[in-house]
Protein backbone atom coordinates (compact mmCIF):
# COMPACT_ATOMS: atom_id res chain seq x y z
CA MET A 1 -34.09 -25.62 -57.83
CA PHE A 2 -36.63 -28.20 -58.98
CA ALA A 3 -35.26 -28.33 -62.55
CA THR A 4 -31.61 -28.35 -61.55
CA GLN A 5 -32.10 -31.07 -58.95
CA LYS A 6 -34.11 -33.20 -61.33
CA LEU A 7 -31.76 -32.86 -64.28
CA ALA A 8 -28.59 -33.27 -62.22
CA SER A 9 -29.95 -36.52 -60.83
CA GLN A 10 -30.71 -37.64 -64.39
CA ALA A 11 -27.10 -36.90 -65.39
CA LEU A 12 -25.78 -38.81 -62.38
CA ASP A 13 -28.09 -41.74 -63.11
CA ALA A 14 -26.82 -41.87 -66.70
CA VAL A 15 -23.21 -42.07 -65.50
CA LEU A 16 -24.02 -44.78 -62.96
CA THR A 17 -25.50 -46.85 -65.78
CA GLY A 18 -22.39 -46.50 -67.96
CA GLN A 19 -22.66 -43.23 -69.87
CA THR A 20 -20.00 -40.50 -69.74
CA LEU A 21 -20.94 -37.29 -67.98
CA THR A 22 -20.11 -35.31 -71.12
CA ASP A 23 -22.63 -37.32 -73.14
CA ALA A 24 -25.22 -37.22 -70.37
CA LEU A 25 -25.08 -33.44 -70.10
CA ALA A 26 -25.08 -33.02 -73.88
CA ARG A 27 -28.31 -35.01 -74.06
CA ILE A 28 -29.89 -32.82 -71.37
CA TRP A 29 -28.87 -29.64 -73.19
CA ARG A 30 -30.49 -30.98 -76.39
CA GLU A 31 -33.69 -32.01 -74.65
CA GLU A 32 -33.92 -28.85 -72.52
CA PRO A 33 -32.95 -26.03 -74.90
CA ASP A 34 -34.64 -23.34 -72.79
CA LEU A 35 -32.42 -23.76 -69.75
CA ARG A 36 -30.81 -20.52 -68.64
CA PRO A 37 -27.00 -20.33 -68.33
CA GLN A 38 -27.35 -20.19 -64.53
CA GLN A 39 -29.40 -23.38 -64.57
CA ARG A 40 -26.87 -25.16 -66.76
CA GLY A 41 -24.12 -24.09 -64.40
CA ALA A 42 -26.04 -25.36 -61.39
CA ILE A 43 -26.75 -28.71 -63.06
CA GLN A 44 -23.06 -29.10 -63.88
CA ASP A 45 -22.01 -28.20 -60.33
CA LEU A 46 -24.39 -30.73 -58.79
CA SER A 47 -23.53 -33.58 -61.16
CA TYR A 48 -19.77 -32.99 -61.03
CA GLY A 49 -19.81 -32.57 -57.25
CA SER A 50 -21.91 -35.66 -56.67
CA LEU A 51 -19.46 -37.74 -58.71
CA ARG A 52 -16.40 -36.30 -56.96
CA HIS A 53 -17.80 -37.35 -53.58
CA LEU A 54 -19.82 -40.37 -54.68
CA GLY A 55 -18.13 -42.83 -52.31
CA LEU A 56 -18.95 -40.71 -49.28
CA LEU A 57 -22.51 -40.04 -50.45
CA ASP A 58 -23.18 -43.66 -51.37
CA SER A 59 -21.82 -44.96 -48.06
CA THR A 60 -24.02 -42.50 -46.21
CA LEU A 61 -27.12 -43.35 -48.22
CA LYS A 62 -26.68 -47.06 -47.53
CA GLN A 63 -26.79 -46.34 -43.80
CA LEU A 64 -30.04 -44.43 -44.24
CA LEU A 65 -31.84 -47.20 -46.10
CA ASN A 66 -33.37 -50.25 -44.49
CA LYS A 67 -32.94 -52.24 -47.69
CA PRO A 68 -31.26 -51.71 -51.11
CA LEU A 69 -32.96 -49.15 -53.32
CA HIS A 70 -33.41 -50.71 -56.76
CA GLU A 71 -35.05 -47.70 -58.42
CA SER A 72 -31.93 -46.08 -59.86
CA ALA A 73 -33.51 -42.71 -60.63
CA LEU A 74 -34.64 -42.33 -57.01
CA ARG A 75 -31.22 -43.40 -55.73
CA SER A 76 -29.50 -40.81 -57.93
CA LEU A 77 -31.88 -38.11 -56.69
CA LEU A 78 -31.03 -38.92 -53.08
CA LEU A 79 -27.30 -38.87 -53.82
CA VAL A 80 -27.57 -35.42 -55.42
CA CYS A 81 -29.61 -34.17 -52.47
CA LEU A 82 -27.07 -35.47 -49.96
CA TYR A 83 -24.40 -33.62 -51.91
CA GLN A 84 -26.46 -30.43 -51.73
CA LEU A 85 -27.01 -30.77 -48.00
CA GLN A 86 -23.35 -31.46 -47.24
CA PHE A 87 -21.37 -29.46 -49.79
CA THR A 88 -23.51 -26.49 -50.87
CA ARG A 89 -25.10 -23.48 -49.19
CA ALA A 90 -28.59 -24.42 -50.31
CA ALA A 91 -31.17 -24.12 -47.53
CA PRO A 92 -31.91 -27.61 -46.17
CA TYR A 93 -35.67 -27.10 -46.10
CA SER A 94 -35.58 -26.05 -49.76
CA VAL A 95 -33.47 -29.08 -50.78
CA VAL A 96 -35.87 -31.48 -49.07
CA ASP A 97 -39.01 -29.74 -50.34
CA HIS A 98 -37.87 -29.76 -53.97
CA ALA A 99 -36.62 -33.33 -53.70
CA VAL A 100 -40.07 -34.49 -52.62
CA LYS A 101 -41.56 -32.75 -55.63
CA VAL A 102 -38.99 -34.32 -57.98
CA ALA A 103 -39.69 -37.73 -56.45
CA SER A 104 -43.36 -37.37 -57.31
CA HIS A 105 -42.32 -37.16 -60.97
CA THR A 106 -39.65 -39.88 -60.77
CA GLY A 107 -40.28 -43.52 -61.62
CA THR A 108 -43.49 -44.75 -60.03
CA GLY A 109 -43.91 -41.53 -58.05
CA MET A 110 -44.16 -43.57 -54.84
CA GLY A 111 -40.86 -42.36 -53.37
CA LYS A 112 -41.98 -39.07 -51.87
CA GLY A 113 -42.24 -40.42 -48.35
CA LEU A 114 -38.91 -42.25 -48.63
CA VAL A 115 -37.10 -39.15 -49.90
CA ASN A 116 -38.54 -36.98 -47.16
CA ALA A 117 -37.66 -39.50 -44.42
CA VAL A 118 -34.12 -40.21 -45.68
CA LEU A 119 -33.11 -36.57 -46.06
CA ARG A 120 -34.56 -35.46 -42.73
CA ASN A 121 -32.89 -38.40 -41.02
CA PHE A 122 -29.58 -37.34 -42.57
CA LEU A 123 -29.99 -33.82 -41.21
CA ARG A 124 -30.59 -35.19 -37.71
CA ARG A 125 -27.69 -37.68 -37.76
CA ARG A 126 -25.27 -35.95 -40.14
CA ASP A 127 -22.06 -36.14 -38.08
CA GLU A 128 -22.61 -39.72 -36.97
CA LEU A 129 -23.35 -40.91 -40.50
CA LEU A 130 -20.47 -39.07 -42.15
CA ASN A 131 -17.96 -40.25 -39.58
CA GLN A 132 -19.03 -43.83 -40.18
CA SER A 133 -18.80 -43.37 -43.96
CA ARG A 134 -15.30 -41.93 -43.71
CA SER A 135 -14.15 -44.92 -41.66
CA THR A 136 -13.87 -46.97 -44.87
CA PRO A 137 -11.46 -46.25 -47.79
CA TYR A 138 -14.39 -46.12 -50.24
CA GLY A 139 -16.22 -43.53 -48.18
CA LYS A 140 -13.13 -41.53 -47.28
CA TRP A 141 -11.50 -41.29 -50.70
CA SER A 142 -14.47 -41.69 -53.08
CA HIS A 143 -12.63 -43.97 -55.50
CA GLN A 144 -13.18 -47.59 -56.44
CA PRO A 145 -11.24 -49.99 -54.17
CA TRP A 146 -9.03 -51.28 -57.01
CA TRP A 147 -8.02 -47.69 -57.85
CA ILE A 148 -7.14 -46.94 -54.22
CA ASP A 149 -5.05 -50.11 -54.01
CA ALA A 150 -3.24 -49.25 -57.26
CA MET A 151 -2.31 -45.79 -55.97
CA LYS A 152 -1.04 -47.22 -52.67
CA LYS A 153 1.19 -49.64 -54.56
CA ALA A 154 2.49 -47.15 -57.13
CA TYR A 155 2.90 -44.14 -54.82
CA PRO A 156 3.32 -45.31 -51.21
CA ARG A 157 4.24 -41.79 -50.05
CA ASP A 158 1.89 -39.76 -52.24
CA TRP A 159 -1.26 -41.84 -52.68
CA GLU A 160 -3.33 -39.91 -50.16
CA ASN A 161 -2.45 -36.58 -51.79
CA ILE A 162 -3.29 -38.00 -55.22
CA LEU A 163 -6.70 -39.31 -54.19
CA GLY A 164 -7.45 -36.12 -52.27
CA ALA A 165 -6.50 -33.94 -55.25
CA ASN A 166 -8.85 -35.95 -57.49
CA ASN A 167 -11.76 -34.86 -55.30
CA THR A 168 -11.05 -31.13 -55.58
CA HIS A 169 -12.02 -28.52 -58.17
CA PRO A 170 -9.38 -28.30 -60.92
CA PRO A 171 -7.40 -25.10 -61.45
CA LEU A 172 -8.01 -22.93 -64.51
CA THR A 173 -4.73 -22.08 -66.20
CA LEU A 174 -4.08 -19.94 -69.27
CA ARG A 175 -1.34 -20.22 -71.87
CA VAL A 176 -0.16 -16.92 -73.31
CA ASN A 177 0.28 -16.91 -77.09
CA ARG A 178 3.70 -15.35 -77.33
CA ARG A 179 3.20 -14.63 -81.03
CA LEU A 180 0.52 -12.10 -80.08
CA GLY A 181 1.39 -10.95 -76.56
CA SER A 182 3.42 -11.43 -73.43
CA LEU A 183 2.97 -12.57 -69.87
CA ASP A 184 3.04 -8.97 -68.66
CA SER A 185 0.39 -7.79 -71.12
CA ALA A 186 -1.88 -10.75 -70.32
CA MET A 187 -1.49 -10.21 -66.57
CA ALA A 188 -2.26 -6.50 -67.01
CA ALA A 189 -5.43 -7.28 -68.98
CA LEU A 190 -6.61 -9.67 -66.28
CA GLN A 191 -5.91 -7.12 -63.55
CA GLU A 192 -7.81 -4.43 -65.45
CA ALA A 193 -10.78 -6.83 -65.72
CA GLY A 194 -10.66 -7.46 -61.96
CA ILE A 195 -9.58 -11.09 -62.36
CA GLU A 196 -7.12 -12.35 -59.74
CA ALA A 197 -4.30 -14.45 -61.17
CA ARG A 198 -0.68 -15.45 -60.69
CA ALA A 199 2.07 -16.46 -63.08
CA LEU A 200 3.34 -20.04 -62.96
CA ASP A 201 6.12 -19.43 -65.49
CA ASP A 202 6.82 -17.14 -68.43
CA THR A 203 3.65 -18.08 -70.36
CA ALA A 204 1.35 -19.84 -67.85
CA ILE A 205 -1.16 -17.96 -65.70
CA GLN A 206 -3.40 -19.57 -63.11
CA LEU A 207 -6.64 -17.83 -62.21
CA ARG A 208 -7.59 -17.71 -58.56
CA HIS A 209 -11.20 -18.57 -59.40
CA PRO A 210 -12.36 -20.43 -62.54
CA ILE A 211 -14.49 -18.32 -64.89
CA GLY A 212 -16.09 -18.74 -68.31
CA VAL A 213 -13.92 -18.09 -71.36
CA ASP A 214 -16.26 -15.26 -72.35
CA ARG A 215 -14.89 -13.30 -69.39
CA ILE A 216 -11.20 -13.94 -70.15
CA PRO A 217 -9.61 -10.93 -71.88
CA GLY A 218 -8.16 -11.82 -75.26
CA PHE A 219 -9.42 -15.40 -75.40
CA PHE A 220 -11.50 -15.01 -78.55
CA ASP A 221 -8.69 -13.05 -80.20
CA GLY A 222 -6.23 -15.90 -79.64
CA LEU A 223 -4.13 -13.99 -77.11
CA VAL A 224 -4.56 -16.73 -74.50
CA SER A 225 -5.81 -20.32 -74.39
CA VAL A 226 -7.09 -22.45 -71.54
CA GLN A 227 -4.58 -25.24 -70.94
CA ASP A 228 -3.44 -26.98 -67.78
CA TRP A 229 0.15 -26.18 -66.77
CA GLY A 230 1.05 -29.86 -66.93
CA ALA A 231 -0.25 -30.14 -70.49
CA GLN A 232 1.75 -27.07 -71.48
CA GLN A 233 4.98 -28.98 -70.90
CA ALA A 234 4.48 -31.21 -73.97
CA ALA A 235 5.27 -28.59 -76.62
CA ARG A 236 8.23 -27.30 -74.63
CA LEU A 237 9.78 -30.73 -74.21
CA LEU A 238 9.76 -31.29 -77.97
CA ASP A 239 12.07 -28.23 -78.44
CA VAL A 240 10.75 -27.42 -81.91
CA ALA A 241 12.46 -24.93 -84.22
CA ASP A 242 11.46 -23.09 -87.39
CA GLY A 243 11.20 -25.25 -90.49
CA MET A 244 10.78 -28.56 -88.70
CA ARG A 245 8.37 -31.17 -89.97
CA VAL A 246 6.21 -32.14 -86.98
CA LEU A 247 3.44 -34.67 -86.34
CA ASP A 248 0.86 -34.26 -83.60
CA ALA A 249 -0.65 -37.73 -83.31
CA CYS A 250 -4.04 -38.04 -81.54
CA SER A 251 -4.24 -34.24 -81.68
CA ALA A 252 -7.82 -33.43 -80.62
CA PRO A 253 -8.94 -31.09 -79.18
CA GLY A 254 -5.88 -29.19 -80.36
CA GLY A 255 -4.42 -27.48 -77.31
CA LYS A 256 -0.95 -28.92 -77.83
CA THR A 257 -1.22 -28.44 -81.61
CA GLY A 258 -1.76 -24.73 -81.13
CA HIS A 259 1.02 -24.47 -78.57
CA LEU A 260 3.55 -26.09 -80.93
CA LEU A 261 2.66 -23.63 -83.67
CA GLU A 262 2.95 -20.72 -81.26
CA LEU A 263 6.54 -21.73 -80.49
CA ALA A 264 7.88 -21.99 -84.06
CA ASN A 265 7.03 -21.86 -87.77
CA LEU A 266 6.42 -25.53 -88.47
CA ASP A 267 5.25 -27.85 -91.21
CA LEU A 268 2.81 -29.52 -88.83
CA THR A 269 0.46 -32.39 -89.50
CA ALA A 270 -2.25 -33.12 -86.92
CA ILE A 271 -4.15 -36.39 -87.03
CA ASP A 272 -6.97 -37.87 -85.02
CA ALA A 273 -9.08 -40.98 -85.50
CA ASP A 274 -12.31 -39.07 -84.78
CA THR A 275 -13.40 -36.68 -87.54
CA GLN A 276 -15.69 -34.73 -85.22
CA ARG A 277 -12.94 -34.26 -82.66
CA LEU A 278 -10.56 -33.22 -85.44
CA ALA A 279 -12.99 -30.40 -86.25
CA ARG A 280 -12.28 -29.02 -82.77
CA VAL A 281 -8.60 -28.82 -83.71
CA ALA A 282 -9.55 -26.75 -86.74
CA ASP A 283 -11.69 -24.43 -84.60
CA ASN A 284 -8.87 -24.02 -82.09
CA LEU A 285 -6.33 -23.15 -84.78
CA LYS A 286 -8.75 -20.70 -86.40
CA ARG A 287 -9.13 -18.84 -83.11
CA LEU A 288 -5.33 -18.66 -82.79
CA GLY A 289 -4.83 -17.59 -86.40
CA LEU A 290 -2.62 -20.61 -87.10
CA SER A 291 -2.71 -23.42 -89.65
CA ALA A 292 -1.74 -27.08 -89.97
CA THR A 293 -2.47 -30.05 -92.19
CA LEU A 294 -5.34 -31.96 -90.59
CA LYS A 295 -5.96 -35.62 -91.40
CA THR A 296 -8.35 -38.20 -90.04
CA GLY A 297 -6.29 -41.26 -89.20
CA ASP A 298 -5.32 -43.91 -86.70
CA ALA A 299 -1.86 -43.34 -85.21
CA SER A 300 -1.28 -47.11 -85.12
CA GLN A 301 -1.99 -47.42 -88.88
CA PRO A 302 0.18 -44.77 -90.56
CA ALA A 303 0.10 -46.47 -93.96
CA ALA A 304 -3.41 -45.08 -94.40
CA TRP A 305 -2.42 -41.41 -94.00
CA TRP A 306 1.39 -40.94 -93.98
CA ASP A 307 3.04 -39.46 -97.09
CA GLY A 308 6.32 -41.31 -96.49
CA LYS A 309 8.35 -38.25 -95.44
CA PRO A 310 9.90 -38.62 -91.96
CA PHE A 311 9.17 -36.17 -89.15
CA ASP A 312 11.72 -34.24 -87.11
CA ARG A 313 9.42 -34.30 -84.11
CA ILE A 314 6.42 -36.42 -83.14
CA LEU A 315 4.09 -35.81 -80.24
CA ALA A 316 2.47 -39.13 -79.31
CA ASP A 317 -0.23 -37.93 -76.92
CA VAL A 318 -1.82 -41.36 -76.84
CA PRO A 319 -5.26 -42.51 -75.65
CA CYS A 320 -5.16 -43.45 -71.98
CA SER A 321 -7.25 -43.96 -68.86
CA ALA A 322 -7.18 -40.18 -68.21
CA ALA A 323 -6.67 -40.95 -64.52
CA GLY A 324 -4.56 -37.83 -64.15
CA VAL A 325 -7.47 -35.56 -65.01
CA ALA A 326 -10.11 -37.30 -62.90
CA ARG A 327 -10.99 -34.09 -61.05
CA ARG A 328 -11.94 -32.53 -64.40
CA HIS A 329 -13.86 -35.67 -65.40
CA PRO A 330 -15.00 -37.29 -62.14
CA ASP A 331 -17.08 -39.86 -64.00
CA ILE A 332 -13.75 -41.52 -64.91
CA LYS A 333 -13.38 -42.69 -61.32
CA TRP A 334 -16.54 -44.76 -61.63
CA LEU A 335 -16.51 -45.80 -65.30
CA ARG A 336 -12.97 -47.17 -65.46
CA ARG A 337 -12.25 -50.82 -64.68
CA ALA A 338 -8.88 -52.34 -63.80
CA GLY A 339 -8.90 -54.28 -67.07
CA ASP A 340 -9.14 -51.02 -69.02
CA ILE A 341 -5.58 -50.14 -68.05
CA VAL A 342 -4.26 -53.31 -69.67
CA GLN A 343 -6.20 -52.58 -72.87
CA PHE A 344 -4.94 -49.00 -73.02
CA ALA A 345 -1.37 -50.19 -72.50
CA GLN A 346 -1.66 -52.58 -75.45
CA GLN A 347 -3.05 -49.81 -77.67
CA GLN A 348 -0.32 -47.41 -76.58
CA ALA A 349 2.44 -49.91 -77.35
CA ALA A 350 1.04 -50.45 -80.85
CA MET A 351 0.97 -46.70 -81.49
CA LEU A 352 4.50 -46.20 -80.20
CA ASP A 353 5.89 -48.93 -82.43
CA ALA A 354 4.02 -47.63 -85.49
CA LEU A 355 4.96 -43.98 -84.98
CA TRP A 356 8.63 -44.71 -84.32
CA GLY A 357 9.07 -45.69 -87.95
CA LEU A 358 8.04 -42.15 -88.96
CA VAL A 359 10.80 -40.41 -86.97
CA ALA A 360 13.74 -39.07 -88.94
CA PRO A 361 17.28 -40.06 -87.82
CA GLY A 362 18.22 -37.68 -85.03
CA GLY A 363 14.56 -36.75 -84.60
CA LYS A 364 12.59 -37.01 -81.38
CA LEU A 365 9.33 -38.56 -80.21
CA LEU A 366 7.60 -37.45 -77.03
CA TYR A 367 5.37 -40.06 -75.45
CA ALA A 368 2.65 -38.39 -73.40
CA THR A 369 -0.39 -39.43 -71.36
CA CYS A 370 -2.72 -37.76 -68.88
CA SER A 371 -2.52 -40.86 -66.68
CA ILE A 372 -0.91 -41.71 -63.36
CA PHE A 373 -0.98 -45.50 -63.72
CA PRO A 374 2.58 -46.88 -64.17
CA ALA A 375 1.41 -49.50 -66.70
CA GLU A 376 0.56 -46.66 -69.08
CA ASN A 377 3.59 -44.55 -68.21
CA ALA A 378 6.95 -45.62 -66.77
CA GLU A 379 6.41 -49.30 -67.55
CA GLN A 380 5.33 -48.45 -71.09
CA ALA A 381 8.36 -46.24 -71.71
CA GLU A 382 10.77 -48.80 -70.27
CA ALA A 383 9.32 -51.59 -72.40
CA PHE A 384 9.53 -49.46 -75.55
CA ALA A 385 13.17 -48.55 -74.88
CA ALA A 386 14.03 -52.22 -74.24
CA ARG A 387 12.58 -53.44 -77.55
CA THR A 388 13.75 -50.50 -79.69
CA PRO A 389 17.55 -50.48 -80.06
CA ASP A 390 17.74 -47.16 -81.92
CA ALA A 391 15.61 -45.29 -79.35
CA LYS A 392 17.76 -43.29 -76.93
CA ARG A 393 15.82 -42.09 -73.93
CA LEU A 394 16.52 -38.44 -73.11
CA PRO A 395 16.08 -36.78 -69.71
CA VAL A 396 12.84 -34.89 -69.14
CA SER A 397 13.59 -31.54 -67.57
CA LEU A 398 10.61 -30.82 -65.35
CA GLU A 399 11.24 -29.53 -61.86
CA ALA A 400 7.93 -30.90 -60.58
CA ALA A 401 8.24 -34.34 -62.21
CA ALA A 402 9.91 -37.46 -60.95
CA ASP A 403 11.14 -39.34 -64.01
CA GLY A 404 8.59 -37.60 -66.22
CA GLN A 405 5.59 -38.24 -63.95
CA LEU A 406 3.58 -35.21 -62.88
CA LEU A 407 1.13 -35.97 -60.09
CA PRO A 408 -2.06 -33.94 -59.64
CA ASN A 409 -1.70 -31.04 -57.24
CA PRO A 410 -3.11 -27.50 -56.83
CA GLU A 411 -1.06 -26.23 -59.79
CA HIS A 412 -1.57 -28.94 -62.42
CA ASP A 413 -3.19 -32.25 -63.35
CA GLY A 414 -1.44 -35.59 -63.64
CA PHE A 415 0.66 -36.14 -66.78
CA TYR A 416 3.50 -38.36 -67.94
CA TYR A 417 6.25 -37.62 -70.45
CA ALA A 418 9.03 -39.77 -71.92
CA LEU A 419 11.31 -38.36 -74.62
CA PHE A 420 13.14 -40.53 -77.17
CA GLN A 421 15.66 -39.66 -79.89
CA LYS A 422 16.29 -41.85 -82.92
CA GLN A 423 19.91 -42.92 -83.22
CA ALA A 424 21.58 -43.43 -86.59
CA GLN A 425 21.78 -47.10 -87.49
């Protein structure tokens, strides 16, 4: 436990000083190449869990301290330990004992007594402290105050469910590659492997318990892919058909690219501004046995990569706040600022305007985000329609979506879709 506690607190500390959790963990894996898979899993669980419940943990820690703790590494260690004591089955004496040892190697090494006193005090006063922490929105919902206020304003009936869902473990959903198999065959393979699952529709399967891809039958053969049910709606909404010329803008990591190619024989171009992320699209297509034209390019600057031939379909899965997938990336809740939403909205508008010129008459563009902020979604779509006379907005047929907005729930993450068709001038 010593190594996992120490390294998880380092990951948390990196996030609290502005780094993404993905980058923080990647650095740890590079610097600690001898970690066993079980240790990596434990470090991930502790860092992800601590970030999901950071508001509650932070509020509780503040009650346990007589004065602010300015040594960030020690503060992060205590937050991880409070998470262990409250949300895991780890033996309390073991958590405290290892924390004291980690503290002796952290910063000045003078925090051993503080760590021991704080954690033992928490164990004595747990209920009192937690009840007090949950009496404030920050402690109860573990989101920044501006985020809580934004959800209340945008979703007066659903905001509590949204914030609560963001603090849960995300579901693991599979997409069946219908070129290679069927829902029935995939379900049978899972049952034979002893993996509990249920079908969400004719190609989506949700596992009862998340597992590694190495345990999923057919994954490495391209029979199934891991993709949230909400994300699976993008390819379906574009209603592609054989022979169409299709653009997947901002395509990395390639889940939607692969899904489009599974649905029809397409002349598909996939672009992304990040060459390294574009390589993940290539890897994904290789696993599926599919192919596309891959280009590094900025969706808002098509002159640099477009060949001048219009597209029948464009998927504009634009950069966004990713607020709809916060339970998968809990660092988002603490790294995002209110001003970021405005900046994303400006970038999205530029991409929409640029990509619209690439749509063939009668063709369609699907605007997509993994956000739940209206400024990136409904307001963005309405503004685009208002300034684009030849853009006819089409209905989005999703049973679970209100006007194209999917909210996070036990079956899927938060996504937004708006579909436009180009009218003849």
